[in-house]
Amino acid sequence: MHRFLALPLRIHLLLLVVILTLPTLGIIIYSGFAQREAALREATRETVKLAYTIASEQENLVAGAEQLLSTLVLLPDIRNRNQAATSAILAIFS
């Protein structure tokens, strides 16, 4: 202990500053990790939400295509496999 007290005042002040900044540094690091985890949870939630939205839109597109095909199959030119008339009808939708 006597050797510690014999150190210059500048060293004592430096040690004091280091000791006082350690808790603050710990809080900053902990807060950064907490914010990172919160951001990851939010990004995961948004990604799942986006995936469900895309899947829903895809289901709507498939339902629309099925409805279009079921309507087209009722047309006599398509039922009779008239290629020229079928091409003309399908050209309207492209």
C-alpha atoms as a PDB file:
ATOM      1  CA  MET A   1       0.000   0.000   0.000  1.00  0.00           C
ATOM      2  CA  HIS A   2       2.884   2.312   0.772  1.00  0.00           C
ATOM      3  CA  ARG A   3       4.223   1.899  -2.796  1.00  0.00           C
ATOM      4  CA  PHE A   4       0.819   2.884  -4.201  1.00  0.00           C
ATOM      5  CA  LEU A   5       0.724   6.045  -2.134  1.00  0.00           C
ATOM      6  CA  ALA A   6       4.244   6.896  -3.313  1.00  0.00           C
ATOM      7  CA  LEU A   7       3.097   7.064  -6.947  1.00  0.00           C
ATOM      8  CA  PRO A   8       2.745  10.522  -8.498  1.00  0.00           C
ATOM      9  CA  LEU A   9      -0.550  12.379  -8.313  1.00  0.00           C
ATOM     10  CA  ARG A  10      -0.920  12.152 -12.106  1.00  0.00           C
ATOM     11  CA  ILE A  11      -1.007   8.309 -11.873  1.00  0.00           C
ATOM     12  CA  HIS A  12      -3.559   8.462  -9.048  1.00  0.00           C
ATOM     13  CA  LEU A  13      -5.801  10.736 -11.113  1.00  0.00           C
ATOM     14  CA  LEU A  14      -5.431   8.516 -14.177  1.00  0.00           C
ATOM     15  CA  LEU A  15      -6.395   5.435 -12.165  1.00  0.00           C
ATOM     16  CA  LEU A  16      -9.364   7.305 -10.718  1.00  0.00           C
ATOM     17  CA  VAL A  17     -10.543   8.297 -14.204  1.00  0.00           C
ATOM     18  CA  VAL A  18     -10.179   4.712 -15.457  1.00  0.00           C
ATOM     19  CA  ILE A  19     -12.066   3.301 -12.468  1.00  0.00           C
ATOM     20  CA  LEU A  20     -14.873   5.860 -12.870  1.00  0.00           C
ATOM     21  CA  THR A  21     -15.274   5.254 -16.606  1.00  0.00           C
ATOM     22  CA  LEU A  22     -15.517   1.451 -16.349  1.00  0.00           C
ATOM     23  CA  PRO A  23     -19.179   1.394 -15.160  1.00  0.00           C
ATOM     24  CA  THR A  24     -20.167   3.881 -17.847  1.00  0.00           C
ATOM     25  CA  LEU A  25     -18.414   1.828 -20.476  1.00  0.00           C
ATOM     26  CA  GLY A  26     -20.180  -1.290 -19.209  1.00  0.00           C
ATOM     27  CA  ILE A  27     -23.570   0.426 -19.428  1.00  0.00           C
ATOM     28  CA  ILE A  28     -22.848   1.620 -22.970  1.00  0.00           C
ATOM     29  CA  ILE A  29     -21.821  -1.866 -24.102  1.00  0.00           C
ATOM     30  CA  TYR A  30     -24.823  -3.509 -22.431  1.00  0.00           C
ATOM     31  CA  SER A  31     -27.167  -0.917 -23.949  1.00  0.00           C
ATOM     32  CA  GLY A  32     -25.670  -1.513 -27.386  1.00  0.00           C
ATOM     33  CA  PHE A  33     -26.250  -5.257 -27.134  1.00  0.00           C
ATOM     34  CA  ALA A  34     -29.803  -4.691 -25.897  1.00  0.00           C
ATOM     35  CA  GLN A  35     -30.547  -2.352 -28.810  1.00  0.00           C
ATOM     36  CA  ARG A  36     -29.055  -4.860 -31.237  1.00  0.00           C
ATOM     37  CA  GLU A  37     -31.287  -7.636 -29.900  1.00  0.00           C
ATOM     38  CA  ALA A  38     -34.347  -5.373 -30.100  1.00  0.00           C
ATOM     39  CA  ALA A  39     -33.481  -4.446 -33.690  1.00  0.00           C
ATOM     40  CA  LEU A  40     -33.064  -8.121 -34.609  1.00  0.00           C
ATOM     41  CA  ARG A  41     -36.461  -8.972 -33.093  1.00  0.00           C
ATOM     42  CA  GLU A  42     -38.087  -6.090 -34.987  1.00  0.00           C
ATOM     43  CA  ALA A  43     -36.402  -7.090 -38.256  1.00  0.00           C
ATOM     44  CA  THR A  44     -37.548 -10.688 -37.794  1.00  0.00           C
ATOM     45  CA  ARG A  45     -41.106  -9.533 -37.111  1.00  0.00           C
ATOM     46  CA  GLU A  46     -41.100  -7.291 -40.190  1.00  0.00           C
ATOM     47  CA  THR A  47     -39.645 -10.081 -42.343  1.00  0.00           C
ATOM     48  CA  VAL A  48     -42.343 -12.527 -41.246  1.00  0.00           C
ATOM     49  CA  LYS A  49     -45.005  -9.876 -41.896  1.00  0.00           C
ATOM     50  CA  LEU A  50     -43.577  -9.249 -45.377  1.00  0.00           C
ATOM     51  CA  ALA A  51     -43.460 -12.988 -46.128  1.00  0.00           C
ATOM     52  CA  TYR A  52     -47.128 -13.362 -45.154  1.00  0.00           C
ATOM     53  CA  THR A  53     -48.046 -10.375 -47.330  1.00  0.00           C
ATOM     54  CA  ILE A  54     -46.172 -11.826 -50.320  1.00  0.00           C
ATOM     55  CA  ALA A  55     -47.808 -15.231 -49.779  1.00  0.00           C
ATOM     56  CA  SER A  56     -51.234 -13.602 -49.606  1.00  0.00           C
ATOM     57  CA  GLU A  57     -50.620 -11.688 -52.832  1.00  0.00           C
ATOM     58  CA  GLN A  58     -49.429 -14.889 -54.500  1.00  0.00           C
ATOM     59  CA  GLU A  59     -52.597 -16.687 -53.392  1.00  0.00           C
ATOM     60  CA  ASN A  60     -54.680 -13.841 -54.845  1.00  0.00           C
ATOM     61  CA  LEU A  61     -52.822 -14.085 -58.162  1.00  0.00           C
ATOM     62  CA  VAL A  62     -53.338 -17.851 -58.325  1.00  0.00           C
ATOM     63  CA  ALA A  63     -57.041 -17.457 -57.500  1.00  0.00           C
ATOM     64  CA  GLY A  64     -57.380 -14.843 -60.238  1.00  0.00           C
ATOM     65  CA  ALA A  65     -55.633 -17.095 -62.751  1.00  0.00           C
ATOM     66  CA  GLU A  66     -57.877 -20.005 -61.799  1.00  0.00           C
ATOM     67  CA  GLN A  67     -60.949 -17.817 -62.199  1.00  0.00           C
ATOM     68  CA  LEU A  68     -59.747 -16.611 -65.607  1.00  0.00           C
ATOM     69  CA  LEU A  69     -59.055 -20.149 -66.791  1.00  0.00           C
ATOM     70  CA  SER A  70     -62.389 -21.457 -65.548  1.00  0.00           C
ATOM     71  CA  THR A  71     -64.092 -18.614 -67.429  1.00  0.00           C
ATOM     72  CA  LEU A  72     -62.062 -19.180 -70.596  1.00  0.00           C
ATOM     73  CA  VAL A  73     -62.883 -22.879 -70.666  1.00  0.00           C
ATOM     74  CA  LEU A  74     -66.555 -21.950 -71.001  1.00  0.00           C
ATOM     75  CA  LEU A  75     -65.933 -20.231 -74.349  1.00  0.00           C
ATOM     76  CA  PRO A  76     -66.904 -22.389 -77.344  1.00  0.00           C
ATOM     77  CA  ASP A  77     -63.806 -21.509 -79.415  1.00  0.00           C
ATOM     78  CA  ILE A  78     -61.532 -22.721 -76.635  1.00  0.00           C
ATOM     79  CA  ARG A  79     -63.613 -25.861 -76.026  1.00  0.00           C
ATOM     80  CA  ASN A  80     -63.456 -26.698 -79.736  1.00  0.00           C
ATOM     81  CA  ARG A  81     -59.692 -26.065 -79.743  1.00  0.00           C
ATOM     82  CA  ASN A  82     -59.900 -23.383 -82.409  1.00  0.00           C
ATOM     83  CA  GLN A  83     -56.273 -22.169 -82.388  1.00  0.00           C
ATOM     84  CA  ALA A  84     -56.806 -18.925 -84.277  1.00  0.00           C
ATOM     85  CA  ALA A  85     -59.725 -17.821 -82.100  1.00  0.00           C
ATOM     86  CA  THR A  86     -57.974 -18.966 -78.923  1.00  0.00           C
ATOM     87  CA  SER A  87     -54.828 -17.018 -79.841  1.00  0.00           C
ATOM     88  CA  ALA A  88     -56.934 -13.909 -80.503  1.00  0.00           C
ATOM     89  CA  ILE A  89     -58.690 -14.283 -77.146  1.00  0.00           C
ATOM     90  CA  LEU A  90     -55.462 -14.862 -75.233  1.00  0.00           C
ATOM     91  CA  ALA A  91     -53.799 -11.907 -76.968  1.00  0.00           C
ATOM     92  CA  ILE A  92     -56.266  -9.662 -75.175  1.00  0.00           C
ATOM     93  CA  PHE A  93     -54.863 -10.767 -71.792  1.00  0.00           C
ATOM     94  CA  SER A  94     -51.163 -10.404 -72.618  1.00  0.00           C
END
